Amino acid sequence: MLKKKDRKISRLKRHRRVRKNVAGTLERPRLSVYRSLSHIYAQLIDDEDGRTILAASSLDPEVRAKLKTGGNKDAAKAVGELVAKRALDKGIKKIVFDRGGFIYHGRVAALAAGAREAGLEF
């Protein structure tokens, strides 16, 4: 059985491996996902300038008002919809998805589905 530290190191290795090939631009920013036990976070990042264009999380008042907890699939889908809404307001329609070394399943997949349903193209 993997220990907590070993799982974290494995995730970071996967994340670094993916980041060698996945980079965001201003026209097509990278949607970076981070998931903790209690919440989920998403950012649109322009890697050329090294800046965050926008961010959304289950801690945002718009999401917290609708949900009881921030650590489930409903919260992840709401965050995906919120990040897509904010991106479309800034004129961003196409993105590159970066799952952050997490398995594309559960909350990560729900966030991606919410963003797609709200109008973002991966």
N, C-alpha and C. Protein backbone atom coordinates (compact mmCIF):
# COMPACT_ATOMS: atom_id res chain seq x y z
N MET A 1 0.84 -1.18 0.00
CA MET A 1 0.00 0.00 0.00
C MET A 1 0.88 1.25 0.00
N LEU A 2 0.56 2.19 -0.86
CA LEU A 2 1.34 3.42 -0.94
C LEU A 2 1.03 4.34 0.23
N LYS A 3 2.06 4.94 0.75
CA LYS A 3 1.87 5.92 1.81
C LYS A 3 1.47 7.24 1.19
N LYS A 4 0.97 8.14 2.03
CA LYS A 4 0.51 9.45 1.56
C LYS A 4 1.63 10.19 0.83
N LYS A 5 2.83 10.17 1.39
CA LYS A 5 3.96 10.87 0.79
C LYS A 5 4.30 10.26 -0.58
N ASP A 6 4.27 8.93 -0.68
CA ASP A 6 4.57 8.26 -1.95
C ASP A 6 3.53 8.60 -3.02
N ARG A 7 2.26 8.69 -2.63
CA ARG A 7 1.21 9.06 -3.59
C ARG A 7 1.41 10.47 -4.10
N LYS A 8 1.77 11.37 -3.18
CA LYS A 8 1.99 12.75 -3.58
C LYS A 8 3.18 12.86 -4.53
N ILE A 9 4.25 12.16 -4.24
CA ILE A 9 5.42 12.18 -5.11
C ILE A 9 5.08 11.61 -6.48
N SER A 10 4.31 10.54 -6.51
CA SER A 10 3.89 9.94 -7.79
C SER A 10 3.05 10.91 -8.60
N ARG A 11 2.13 11.62 -7.94
CA ARG A 11 1.30 12.60 -8.64
C ARG A 11 2.16 13.73 -9.19
N LEU A 12 3.10 14.22 -8.41
CA LEU A 12 3.96 15.30 -8.88
C LEU A 12 4.83 14.86 -10.06
N LYS A 13 5.28 13.60 -10.05
CA LYS A 13 6.04 13.08 -11.20
C LYS A 13 5.18 13.05 -12.45
N ARG A 14 3.93 12.59 -12.30
CA ARG A 14 3.02 12.57 -13.46
C ARG A 14 2.78 13.99 -13.96
N HIS A 15 2.59 14.92 -13.03
CA HIS A 15 2.33 16.31 -13.39
C HIS A 15 3.52 16.90 -14.16
N ARG A 16 4.73 16.68 -13.68
CA ARG A 16 5.92 17.20 -14.37
C ARG A 16 6.07 16.58 -15.75
N ARG A 17 5.78 15.31 -15.86
CA ARG A 17 5.89 14.62 -17.16
C ARG A 17 4.91 15.21 -18.17
N VAL A 18 3.70 15.49 -17.73
CA VAL A 18 2.70 16.07 -18.62
C VAL A 18 3.06 17.51 -18.97
N ARG A 19 3.58 18.25 -18.00
CA ARG A 19 3.89 19.66 -18.22
C ARG A 19 5.01 19.88 -19.24
N LYS A 20 5.80 18.84 -19.52
CA LYS A 20 6.83 18.95 -20.55
C LYS A 20 6.19 19.19 -21.92
N ASN A 21 4.99 18.68 -22.12
CA ASN A 21 4.32 18.75 -23.42
C ASN A 21 3.12 19.68 -23.45
N VAL A 22 2.56 20.03 -22.31
CA VAL A 22 1.35 20.84 -22.27
C VAL A 22 1.71 22.25 -21.80
N ALA A 23 1.45 23.22 -22.66
CA ALA A 23 1.70 24.62 -22.29
C ALA A 23 0.56 25.47 -22.82
N GLY A 24 0.21 26.50 -22.09
CA GLY A 24 -0.88 27.38 -22.48
C GLY A 24 -0.35 28.67 -23.10
N THR A 25 -1.14 29.23 -24.00
CA THR A 25 -0.83 30.53 -24.60
C THR A 25 -1.98 31.47 -24.28
N LEU A 26 -1.85 32.72 -24.70
CA LEU A 26 -2.92 33.67 -24.44
C LEU A 26 -4.17 33.30 -25.24
N GLU A 27 -3.97 32.78 -26.48
CA GLU A 27 -5.11 32.38 -27.31
C GLU A 27 -5.73 31.07 -26.83
N ARG A 28 -4.89 30.16 -26.30
CA ARG A 28 -5.35 28.86 -25.84
C ARG A 28 -4.68 28.54 -24.49
N PRO A 29 -5.21 29.12 -23.40
CA PRO A 29 -4.57 28.94 -22.09
C PRO A 29 -4.75 27.53 -21.53
N ARG A 30 -3.94 27.24 -20.53
CA ARG A 30 -3.97 25.93 -19.88
C ARG A 30 -4.93 25.99 -18.70
N LEU A 31 -5.89 25.06 -18.66
CA LEU A 31 -6.80 24.93 -17.52
C LEU A 31 -6.16 23.95 -16.55
N SER A 32 -5.62 24.48 -15.48
CA SER A 32 -4.93 23.67 -14.49
C SER A 32 -5.89 23.35 -13.34
N VAL A 33 -5.92 22.09 -12.93
CA VAL A 33 -6.84 21.63 -11.89
C VAL A 33 -6.03 21.15 -10.69
N TYR A 34 -6.44 21.56 -9.51
CA TYR A 34 -5.89 21.02 -8.27
C TYR A 34 -7.05 20.60 -7.39
N ARG A 35 -6.92 19.42 -6.81
CA ARG A 35 -7.99 18.90 -5.97
C ARG A 35 -7.41 18.56 -4.61
N SER A 36 -8.07 19.07 -3.57
CA SER A 36 -7.70 18.70 -2.21
C SER A 36 -8.85 17.86 -1.65
N LEU A 37 -8.74 17.45 -0.42
CA LEU A 37 -9.82 16.65 0.16
C LEU A 37 -11.10 17.46 0.31
N SER A 38 -10.97 18.75 0.60
CA SER A 38 -12.14 19.56 0.90
C SER A 38 -12.63 20.43 -0.24
N HIS A 39 -11.76 20.75 -1.21
CA HIS A 39 -12.11 21.69 -2.26
C HIS A 39 -11.47 21.32 -3.58
N ILE A 40 -11.87 22.03 -4.64
CA ILE A 40 -11.27 21.87 -5.95
C ILE A 40 -11.03 23.25 -6.53
N TYR A 41 -9.90 23.40 -7.22
CA TYR A 41 -9.46 24.70 -7.73
C TYR A 41 -9.14 24.56 -9.21
N ALA A 42 -9.41 25.62 -9.97
CA ALA A 42 -9.10 25.65 -11.40
C ALA A 42 -8.57 27.02 -11.77
N GLN A 43 -7.56 27.03 -12.64
CA GLN A 43 -6.96 28.29 -13.11
C GLN A 43 -6.75 28.21 -14.61
N LEU A 44 -6.92 29.33 -15.28
CA LEU A 44 -6.50 29.45 -16.67
C LEU A 44 -5.17 30.19 -16.67
N ILE A 45 -4.15 29.57 -17.25
CA ILE A 45 -2.79 30.08 -17.16
C ILE A 45 -2.20 30.31 -18.55
N ASP A 46 -1.57 31.46 -18.72
CA ASP A 46 -0.80 31.78 -19.92
C ASP A 46 0.65 31.49 -19.57
N ASP A 47 1.21 30.38 -20.08
CA ASP A 47 2.57 29.99 -19.73
C ASP A 47 3.63 30.83 -20.43
N GLU A 48 3.29 31.48 -21.53
CA GLU A 48 4.26 32.33 -22.21
C GLU A 48 4.63 33.53 -21.35
N ASP A 49 3.63 34.16 -20.73
CA ASP A 49 3.88 35.30 -19.85
C ASP A 49 4.04 34.87 -18.39
N GLY A 50 3.68 33.63 -18.09
CA GLY A 50 3.79 33.13 -16.72
C GLY A 50 2.81 33.79 -15.78
N ARG A 51 1.56 33.96 -16.24
CA ARG A 51 0.57 34.61 -15.38
C ARG A 51 -0.75 33.87 -15.42
N THR A 52 -1.51 34.01 -14.36
CA THR A 52 -2.83 33.44 -14.26
C THR A 52 -3.84 34.43 -14.84
N ILE A 53 -4.63 33.96 -15.80
CA ILE A 53 -5.62 34.81 -16.45
C ILE A 53 -6.85 34.94 -15.56
N LEU A 54 -7.32 33.80 -15.05
CA LEU A 54 -8.47 33.80 -14.14
C LEU A 54 -8.44 32.53 -13.32
N ALA A 55 -9.21 32.54 -12.26
CA ALA A 55 -9.26 31.38 -11.36
C ALA A 55 -10.67 31.21 -10.82
N ALA A 56 -10.98 29.99 -10.43
CA ALA A 56 -12.26 29.68 -9.78
C ALA A 56 -12.02 28.51 -8.84
N SER A 57 -12.78 28.45 -7.79
CA SER A 57 -12.65 27.33 -6.86
C SER A 57 -13.98 27.11 -6.14
N SER A 58 -14.02 26.02 -5.40
CA SER A 58 -15.22 25.73 -4.62
C SER A 58 -15.33 26.65 -3.41
N LEU A 59 -14.33 27.51 -3.21
CA LEU A 59 -14.38 28.50 -2.13
C LEU A 59 -15.04 29.80 -2.58
N ASP A 60 -15.26 29.98 -3.88
CA ASP A 60 -15.90 31.20 -4.38
C ASP A 60 -17.32 31.32 -3.84
N PRO A 61 -17.74 32.52 -3.50
CA PRO A 61 -19.09 32.71 -2.94
C PRO A 61 -20.20 32.22 -3.88
N GLU A 62 -19.99 32.34 -5.19
CA GLU A 62 -21.01 31.89 -6.15
C GLU A 62 -21.25 30.38 -6.06
N VAL A 63 -20.19 29.64 -5.79
CA VAL A 63 -20.30 28.18 -5.68
C VAL A 63 -20.76 27.78 -4.28
N ARG A 64 -20.19 28.42 -3.28
CA ARG A 64 -20.53 28.07 -1.89
C ARG A 64 -21.99 28.30 -1.56
N ALA A 65 -22.60 29.29 -2.21
CA ALA A 65 -24.01 29.59 -1.94
C ALA A 65 -24.91 28.44 -2.40
N LYS A 66 -24.50 27.74 -3.45
CA LYS A 66 -25.32 26.67 -4.01
C LYS A 66 -25.11 25.31 -3.34
N LEU A 67 -23.92 25.08 -2.76
CA LEU A 67 -23.56 23.74 -2.30
C LEU A 67 -23.21 23.70 -0.82
N LYS A 68 -23.39 22.53 -0.23
CA LYS A 68 -23.06 22.35 1.17
C LYS A 68 -21.57 22.10 1.36
N THR A 69 -20.96 21.33 0.46
CA THR A 69 -19.55 20.97 0.58
C THR A 69 -18.82 21.25 -0.72
N GLY A 70 -17.53 21.48 -0.62
CA GLY A 70 -16.74 21.78 -1.81
C GLY A 70 -15.92 20.61 -2.30
N GLY A 71 -16.06 19.46 -1.67
CA GLY A 71 -15.22 18.32 -2.01
C GLY A 71 -15.94 17.18 -2.69
N ASN A 72 -16.97 17.49 -3.50
CA ASN A 72 -17.67 16.42 -4.19
C ASN A 72 -17.82 16.75 -5.68
N LYS A 73 -18.43 15.84 -6.44
CA LYS A 73 -18.55 16.02 -7.89
C LYS A 73 -19.47 17.18 -8.26
N ASP A 74 -20.49 17.44 -7.46
CA ASP A 74 -21.37 18.57 -7.74
C ASP A 74 -20.61 19.89 -7.66
N ALA A 75 -19.76 20.01 -6.66
CA ALA A 75 -18.95 21.22 -6.51
C ALA A 75 -17.96 21.34 -7.67
N ALA A 76 -17.38 20.23 -8.08
CA ALA A 76 -16.42 20.25 -9.18
C ALA A 76 -17.09 20.69 -10.48
N LYS A 77 -18.29 20.19 -10.71
CA LYS A 77 -19.02 20.59 -11.92
C LYS A 77 -19.36 22.08 -11.88
N ALA A 78 -19.76 22.57 -10.71
CA ALA A 78 -20.08 23.99 -10.56
C ALA A 78 -18.84 24.86 -10.80
N VAL A 79 -17.68 24.41 -10.34
CA VAL A 79 -16.44 25.15 -10.56
C VAL A 79 -16.10 25.15 -12.05
N GLY A 80 -16.30 24.03 -12.73
CA GLY A 80 -16.07 23.96 -14.17
C GLY A 80 -16.95 24.92 -14.93
N GLU A 81 -18.21 24.99 -14.54
CA GLU A 81 -19.14 25.92 -15.19
C GLU A 81 -18.74 27.37 -14.92
N LEU A 82 -18.30 27.65 -13.69
CA LEU A 82 -17.91 29.01 -13.32
C LEU A 82 -16.65 29.45 -14.08
N VAL A 83 -15.66 28.56 -14.17
CA VAL A 83 -14.44 28.93 -14.89
C VAL A 83 -14.74 29.12 -16.38
N ALA A 84 -15.65 28.33 -16.94
CA ALA A 84 -16.03 28.49 -18.34
C ALA A 84 -16.76 29.81 -18.56
N LYS A 85 -17.65 30.16 -17.64
CA LYS A 85 -18.38 31.43 -17.75
C LYS A 85 -17.41 32.60 -17.72
N ARG A 86 -16.47 32.56 -16.79
CA ARG A 86 -15.49 33.65 -16.68
C ARG A 86 -14.59 33.71 -17.91
N ALA A 87 -14.23 32.55 -18.46
CA ALA A 87 -13.38 32.51 -19.65
C ALA A 87 -14.12 33.06 -20.86
N LEU A 88 -15.38 32.68 -21.02
CA LEU A 88 -16.16 33.18 -22.16
C LEU A 88 -16.37 34.69 -22.05
N ASP A 89 -16.50 35.21 -20.83
CA ASP A 89 -16.62 36.66 -20.63
C ASP A 89 -15.36 37.39 -21.09
N LYS A 90 -14.19 36.71 -20.98
CA LYS A 90 -12.93 37.31 -21.41
C LYS A 90 -12.62 36.99 -22.88
N GLY A 91 -13.51 36.26 -23.55
CA GLY A 91 -13.32 35.95 -24.96
C GLY A 91 -12.48 34.71 -25.23
N ILE A 92 -12.32 33.85 -24.24
CA ILE A 92 -11.55 32.62 -24.40
C ILE A 92 -12.51 31.46 -24.62
N LYS A 93 -12.35 30.75 -25.74
CA LYS A 93 -13.24 29.63 -26.05
C LYS A 93 -12.51 28.30 -26.08
N LYS A 94 -11.21 28.31 -26.45
CA LYS A 94 -10.43 27.08 -26.55
C LYS A 94 -9.36 27.06 -25.47
N ILE A 95 -9.19 25.89 -24.85
CA ILE A 95 -8.20 25.72 -23.80
C ILE A 95 -7.45 24.42 -23.97
N VAL A 96 -6.38 24.27 -23.19
CA VAL A 96 -5.65 23.01 -23.06
C VAL A 96 -5.89 22.53 -21.64
N PHE A 97 -6.27 21.27 -21.46
CA PHE A 97 -6.62 20.76 -20.14
C PHE A 97 -5.40 20.12 -19.48
N ASP A 98 -5.13 20.52 -18.24
CA ASP A 98 -4.04 19.97 -17.44
C ASP A 98 -4.64 19.42 -16.16
N ARG A 99 -4.67 18.11 -16.05
CA ARG A 99 -5.32 17.48 -14.90
C ARG A 99 -4.44 17.49 -13.65
N GLY A 100 -3.24 18.02 -13.75
CA GLY A 100 -2.37 18.18 -12.59
C GLY A 100 -1.83 16.89 -12.01
N GLY A 101 -1.74 15.85 -12.82
CA GLY A 101 -1.24 14.57 -12.34
C GLY A 101 -2.30 13.72 -11.69
N PHE A 102 -3.50 14.25 -11.54
CA PHE A 102 -4.61 13.47 -10.96
C PHE A 102 -5.22 12.58 -12.04
N ILE A 103 -5.81 11.49 -11.64
CA ILE A 103 -6.47 10.59 -12.57
C ILE A 103 -7.72 11.27 -13.12
N TYR A 104 -7.94 11.13 -14.43
CA TYR A 104 -9.11 11.75 -15.07
C TYR A 104 -10.33 10.90 -14.72
N HIS A 105 -10.86 11.14 -13.54
CA HIS A 105 -11.96 10.35 -13.02
C HIS A 105 -12.58 11.13 -11.87
N GLY A 106 -13.84 10.92 -11.60
CA GLY A 106 -14.46 11.55 -10.44
C GLY A 106 -14.55 13.06 -10.55
N ARG A 107 -13.98 13.76 -9.57
CA ARG A 107 -14.10 15.22 -9.50
C ARG A 107 -13.38 15.93 -10.64
N VAL A 108 -12.23 15.41 -11.07
CA VAL A 108 -11.50 16.03 -12.17
C VAL A 108 -12.31 15.93 -13.46
N ALA A 109 -12.88 14.77 -13.72
CA ALA A 109 -13.71 14.58 -14.90
C ALA A 109 -14.99 15.42 -14.82
N ALA A 110 -15.55 15.57 -13.62
CA ALA A 110 -16.76 16.37 -13.45
C ALA A 110 -16.47 17.84 -13.73
N LEU A 111 -15.32 18.33 -13.30
CA LEU A 111 -14.94 19.71 -13.59
C LEU A 111 -14.81 19.92 -15.10
N ALA A 112 -14.15 18.98 -15.77
CA ALA A 112 -13.99 19.08 -17.22
C ALA A 112 -15.34 19.03 -17.93
N ALA A 113 -16.23 18.17 -17.48
CA ALA A 113 -17.56 18.07 -18.09
C ALA A 113 -18.35 19.37 -17.90
N GLY A 114 -18.26 19.95 -16.72
CA GLY A 114 -18.94 21.21 -16.46
C GLY A 114 -18.42 22.33 -17.35
N ALA A 115 -17.12 22.37 -17.55
CA ALA A 115 -16.52 23.40 -18.42
C ALA A 115 -16.94 23.19 -19.87
N ARG A 116 -16.98 21.93 -20.31
CA ARG A 116 -17.40 21.64 -21.69
C ARG A 116 -18.86 22.02 -21.91
N GLU A 117 -19.71 21.66 -20.95
CA GLU A 117 -21.15 21.95 -21.08
C GLU A 117 -21.42 23.46 -21.12
N ALA A 118 -20.56 24.23 -20.43
CA ALA A 118 -20.73 25.67 -20.39
C ALA A 118 -20.15 26.37 -21.61
N GLY A 119 -19.46 25.62 -22.49
CA GLY A 119 -19.03 26.21 -23.75
C GLY A 119 -17.55 26.22 -24.06
N LEU A 120 -16.69 25.70 -23.19
CA LEU A 120 -15.27 25.67 -23.51
C LEU A 120 -14.95 24.48 -24.40
N GLU A 121 -13.98 24.65 -25.29
CA GLU A 121 -13.53 23.59 -26.18
C GLU A 121 -12.14 23.14 -25.74
N PHE A 122 -11.97 21.84 -25.58
CA PHE A 122 -10.69 21.27 -25.17
C PHE A 122 -9.98 20.76 -26.40
